[in-house]
């Protein structure tokens, strides 16, 4: 029962991260009128790979001191600034 809950929690957290990412990309593409920003959604492939690893290899058990999904956020932010010409 505990393994099942850990897997559900791991998948739920990543679904939230994916939805947030796509929502922000949609908003930026809409405001900037630039459909090339949708290519930033490819970063979610890294999140998908990490999700598969956590769920299958580690059976939903998160790492205690490291979360590879959050270091992507500064890279995504910098990439967004470079693509849109801000910052």
N, C-alpha and C. Protein backbone atom coordinates (compact mmCIF):
# COMPACT_ATOMS: atom_id res chain seq x y z
N UNK A 1 0.82 -1.20 0.00
CA UNK A 1 0.00 0.00 0.00
C UNK A 1 0.87 1.26 0.00
N UNK A 2 1.97 1.22 0.73
CA UNK A 2 2.85 2.38 0.81
C UNK A 2 3.54 2.66 -0.53
N UNK A 3 3.91 1.59 -1.25
CA UNK A 3 4.54 1.77 -2.57
C UNK A 3 3.55 2.38 -3.55
N UNK A 4 2.32 1.94 -3.50
CA UNK A 4 1.30 2.48 -4.39
C UNK A 4 1.07 3.96 -4.16
N UNK A 5 1.06 4.34 -2.90
CA UNK A 5 0.87 5.76 -2.57
C UNK A 5 2.06 6.60 -3.02
N UNK A 6 3.26 6.06 -2.87
CA UNK A 6 4.46 6.78 -3.30
C UNK A 6 4.45 6.97 -4.82
N UNK A 7 4.02 5.97 -5.55
CA UNK A 7 3.96 6.07 -7.01
C UNK A 7 2.91 7.09 -7.43
N UNK A 8 1.75 7.07 -6.78
CA UNK A 8 0.69 8.04 -7.09
C UNK A 8 1.18 9.45 -6.79
N UNK A 9 1.85 9.65 -5.67
CA UNK A 9 2.38 10.98 -5.31
C UNK A 9 3.42 11.45 -6.33
N UNK A 10 4.29 10.54 -6.76
CA UNK A 10 5.32 10.91 -7.74
C UNK A 10 4.68 11.31 -9.07
N UNK A 11 3.71 10.56 -9.51
CA UNK A 11 3.05 10.87 -10.78
C UNK A 11 2.25 12.17 -10.66
N UNK A 12 1.56 12.35 -9.55
CA UNK A 12 0.76 13.57 -9.35
C UNK A 12 1.63 14.83 -9.37
N UNK A 13 2.78 14.77 -8.70
CA UNK A 13 3.69 15.93 -8.67
C UNK A 13 4.17 16.27 -10.07
N UNK A 14 4.49 15.26 -10.85
CA UNK A 14 4.98 15.52 -12.20
C UNK A 14 3.89 15.99 -13.15
N UNK A 15 2.67 15.52 -12.93
CA UNK A 15 1.55 16.01 -13.73
C UNK A 15 1.35 17.50 -13.46
N UNK A 16 1.44 17.90 -12.19
CA UNK A 16 1.31 19.32 -11.87
C UNK A 16 2.42 20.15 -12.52
N UNK A 17 3.65 19.65 -12.48
CA UNK A 17 4.76 20.36 -13.12
C UNK A 17 4.55 20.47 -14.63
N UNK A 18 4.07 19.39 -15.24
CA UNK A 18 3.81 19.41 -16.68
C UNK A 18 2.72 20.42 -17.02
N UNK A 19 1.62 20.39 -16.28
CA UNK A 19 0.52 21.31 -16.55
C UNK A 19 0.94 22.76 -16.37
N UNK A 20 1.71 23.02 -15.33
CA UNK A 20 2.20 24.38 -15.09
C UNK A 20 3.10 24.82 -16.24
N UNK A 21 3.99 23.96 -16.66
CA UNK A 21 4.89 24.29 -17.77
C UNK A 21 4.10 24.62 -19.03
N UNK A 22 3.15 23.77 -19.38
CA UNK A 22 2.38 23.99 -20.61
C UNK A 22 1.51 25.24 -20.51
N UNK A 23 0.97 25.50 -19.34
CA UNK A 23 0.17 26.70 -19.15
C UNK A 23 1.01 27.96 -19.34
N UNK A 24 2.20 27.96 -18.79
CA UNK A 24 3.07 29.13 -18.93
C UNK A 24 3.56 29.30 -20.37
N UNK A 25 3.84 28.20 -21.05
CA UNK A 25 4.25 28.28 -22.45
C UNK A 25 3.10 28.81 -23.29
N UNK A 26 1.90 28.31 -23.04
CA UNK A 26 0.73 28.79 -23.77
C UNK A 26 0.53 30.28 -23.55
N UNK A 27 0.66 30.72 -22.31
CA UNK A 27 0.46 32.13 -21.99
C UNK A 27 1.51 33.00 -22.69
N UNK A 28 2.77 32.57 -22.65
CA UNK A 28 3.83 33.34 -23.30
C UNK A 28 3.63 33.38 -24.81
N UNK A 29 3.27 32.24 -25.40
CA UNK A 29 3.04 32.20 -26.85
C UNK A 29 1.86 33.08 -27.24
N UNK A 30 0.84 33.12 -26.40
CA UNK A 30 -0.33 33.94 -26.68
C UNK A 30 -0.02 35.44 -26.57
N UNK A 31 0.67 35.82 -25.52
CA UNK A 31 0.98 37.23 -25.29
C UNK A 31 1.97 37.74 -26.34
N UNK A 32 2.98 36.94 -26.64
CA UNK A 32 4.02 37.35 -27.59
C UNK A 32 3.62 37.12 -29.05
N UNK A 33 2.55 36.38 -29.26
CA UNK A 33 2.12 36.03 -30.61
C UNK A 33 3.23 35.31 -31.36
N UNK A 34 3.91 34.40 -30.66
CA UNK A 34 5.06 33.69 -31.20
C UNK A 34 4.87 32.19 -30.95
N UNK A 35 4.49 31.47 -31.99
CA UNK A 35 4.24 30.04 -31.84
C UNK A 35 5.51 29.22 -31.68
N UNK A 36 6.66 29.79 -31.94
CA UNK A 36 7.92 29.07 -31.73
C UNK A 36 8.15 28.77 -30.25
N UNK A 37 7.50 29.51 -29.38
CA UNK A 37 7.66 29.27 -27.94
C UNK A 37 7.15 27.89 -27.54
N UNK A 38 6.29 27.30 -28.35
CA UNK A 38 5.80 25.96 -28.05
C UNK A 38 6.92 24.93 -28.07
N UNK A 39 8.03 25.24 -28.73
CA UNK A 39 9.16 24.32 -28.73
C UNK A 39 9.77 24.15 -27.34
N UNK A 40 9.52 25.13 -26.47
CA UNK A 40 10.01 24.99 -25.09
C UNK A 40 9.34 23.82 -24.37
N UNK A 41 8.22 23.36 -24.89
CA UNK A 41 7.55 22.20 -24.32
C UNK A 41 8.38 20.93 -24.44
N UNK A 42 9.39 20.94 -25.30
CA UNK A 42 10.26 19.77 -25.44
C UNK A 42 11.04 19.50 -24.15
N UNK A 43 11.19 20.51 -23.31
CA UNK A 43 11.86 20.32 -22.02
C UNK A 43 11.09 19.29 -21.18
N UNK A 44 9.81 19.18 -21.44
CA UNK A 44 9.00 18.21 -20.69
C UNK A 44 9.39 16.77 -21.00
N UNK A 45 10.13 16.54 -22.08
CA UNK A 45 10.62 15.20 -22.35
C UNK A 45 11.61 14.75 -21.27
N UNK A 46 12.39 15.69 -20.75
CA UNK A 46 13.29 15.39 -19.64
C UNK A 46 12.47 15.01 -18.41
N UNK A 47 11.39 15.74 -18.17
CA UNK A 47 10.51 15.43 -17.06
C UNK A 47 9.88 14.05 -17.23
N UNK A 48 9.50 13.71 -18.45
CA UNK A 48 8.92 12.39 -18.72
C UNK A 48 9.93 11.29 -18.44
N UNK A 49 11.16 11.47 -18.89
CA UNK A 49 12.22 10.48 -18.64
C UNK A 49 12.46 10.31 -17.15
N UNK A 50 12.49 11.42 -16.43
CA UNK A 50 12.70 11.36 -14.98
C UNK A 50 11.53 10.68 -14.29
N UNK A 51 10.32 10.91 -14.77
CA UNK A 51 9.13 10.27 -14.20
C UNK A 51 9.19 8.77 -14.39
N UNK A 52 9.54 8.35 -15.59
CA UNK A 52 9.65 6.91 -15.86
C UNK A 52 10.70 6.28 -14.95
N UNK A 53 11.83 6.94 -14.79
CA UNK A 53 12.88 6.42 -13.91
C UNK A 53 12.39 6.30 -12.47
N UNK A 54 11.75 7.34 -11.96
CA UNK A 54 11.29 7.32 -10.57
C UNK A 54 10.23 6.24 -10.37
N UNK A 55 9.30 6.14 -11.29
CA UNK A 55 8.19 5.19 -11.09
C UNK A 55 8.64 3.75 -11.29
N UNK A 56 9.44 3.48 -12.32
CA UNK A 56 9.82 2.09 -12.61
C UNK A 56 11.03 1.65 -11.80
N UNK A 57 12.12 2.41 -11.87
CA UNK A 57 13.35 2.01 -11.19
C UNK A 57 13.25 2.13 -9.67
N UNK A 58 12.76 3.28 -9.21
CA UNK A 58 12.77 3.56 -7.77
C UNK A 58 11.42 3.28 -7.11
N UNK A 59 10.47 2.79 -7.86
CA UNK A 59 9.14 2.43 -7.35
C UNK A 59 8.46 3.59 -6.60
N UNK A 60 8.63 4.80 -7.16
CA UNK A 60 7.98 5.98 -6.61
C UNK A 60 8.71 6.66 -5.48
N UNK A 61 9.84 6.11 -5.06
CA UNK A 61 10.59 6.70 -3.95
C UNK A 61 11.42 7.87 -4.46
N UNK A 62 11.13 9.05 -3.95
CA UNK A 62 11.85 10.26 -4.34
C UNK A 62 13.24 10.28 -3.70
N UNK A 63 14.13 11.02 -4.32
CA UNK A 63 15.43 11.23 -3.69
C UNK A 63 15.24 12.20 -2.53
N UNK A 64 16.07 12.07 -1.53
CA UNK A 64 15.88 12.92 -0.35
C UNK A 64 16.49 14.30 -0.52
N UNK A 65 17.64 14.40 -1.19
CA UNK A 65 18.34 15.68 -1.23
C UNK A 65 18.49 16.24 -2.64
N UNK A 66 17.87 15.64 -3.62
CA UNK A 66 18.04 16.10 -4.99
C UNK A 66 16.76 15.86 -5.78
N UNK A 67 16.35 16.85 -6.52
CA UNK A 67 15.17 16.71 -7.37
C UNK A 67 15.53 17.24 -8.75
N UNK A 68 15.73 16.36 -9.73
CA UNK A 68 16.19 16.82 -11.03
C UNK A 68 15.16 17.63 -11.81
N UNK A 69 13.91 17.63 -11.40
CA UNK A 69 12.91 18.40 -12.15
C UNK A 69 13.03 19.90 -11.87
N UNK A 70 13.52 20.31 -10.72
CA UNK A 70 13.59 21.73 -10.42
C UNK A 70 14.82 22.44 -10.97
N UNK A 71 15.97 21.79 -11.16
CA UNK A 71 17.07 22.50 -11.82
C UNK A 71 16.74 22.89 -13.26
N UNK A 72 15.74 22.26 -13.88
CA UNK A 72 15.33 22.64 -15.23
C UNK A 72 14.69 24.02 -15.25
N UNK A 73 14.13 24.46 -14.14
CA UNK A 73 13.39 25.72 -14.12
C UNK A 73 14.26 26.93 -14.46
N UNK A 74 15.47 27.08 -13.86
CA UNK A 74 16.30 28.23 -14.26
C UNK A 74 16.72 28.16 -15.73
N UNK A 75 17.00 26.97 -16.22
CA UNK A 75 17.37 26.81 -17.63
C UNK A 75 16.20 27.23 -18.52
N UNK A 76 14.99 26.81 -18.16
CA UNK A 76 13.81 27.18 -18.92
C UNK A 76 13.59 28.69 -18.87
N UNK A 77 13.78 29.30 -17.70
CA UNK A 77 13.61 30.74 -17.57
C UNK A 77 14.60 31.50 -18.46
N UNK A 78 15.86 31.11 -18.41
CA UNK A 78 16.88 31.77 -19.21
C UNK A 78 16.59 31.59 -20.70
N UNK A 79 16.18 30.38 -21.06
CA UNK A 79 15.85 30.12 -22.47
C UNK A 79 14.67 30.98 -22.91
N UNK A 80 13.67 31.09 -22.07
CA UNK A 80 12.52 31.93 -22.41
C UNK A 80 12.95 33.39 -22.60
N UNK A 81 13.82 33.86 -21.74
CA UNK A 81 14.29 35.26 -21.86
C UNK A 81 15.08 35.45 -23.15
N UNK A 82 15.88 34.46 -23.53
CA UNK A 82 16.67 34.58 -24.76
C UNK A 82 15.77 34.53 -26.00
N UNK A 83 14.77 33.65 -25.97
CA UNK A 83 13.89 33.48 -27.13
C UNK A 83 13.01 34.71 -27.32
N UNK A 84 12.48 35.24 -26.22
CA UNK A 84 11.55 36.36 -26.33
C UNK A 84 12.25 37.71 -26.41
N UNK A 85 13.55 37.76 -26.13
CA UNK A 85 14.29 39.01 -26.23
C UNK A 85 14.13 39.90 -25.03
N UNK A 86 13.74 39.36 -23.88
CA UNK A 86 13.63 40.15 -22.65
C UNK A 86 14.79 39.82 -21.74
N UNK A 87 14.85 40.51 -20.63
CA UNK A 87 15.86 40.19 -19.63
C UNK A 87 17.13 40.78 -19.98
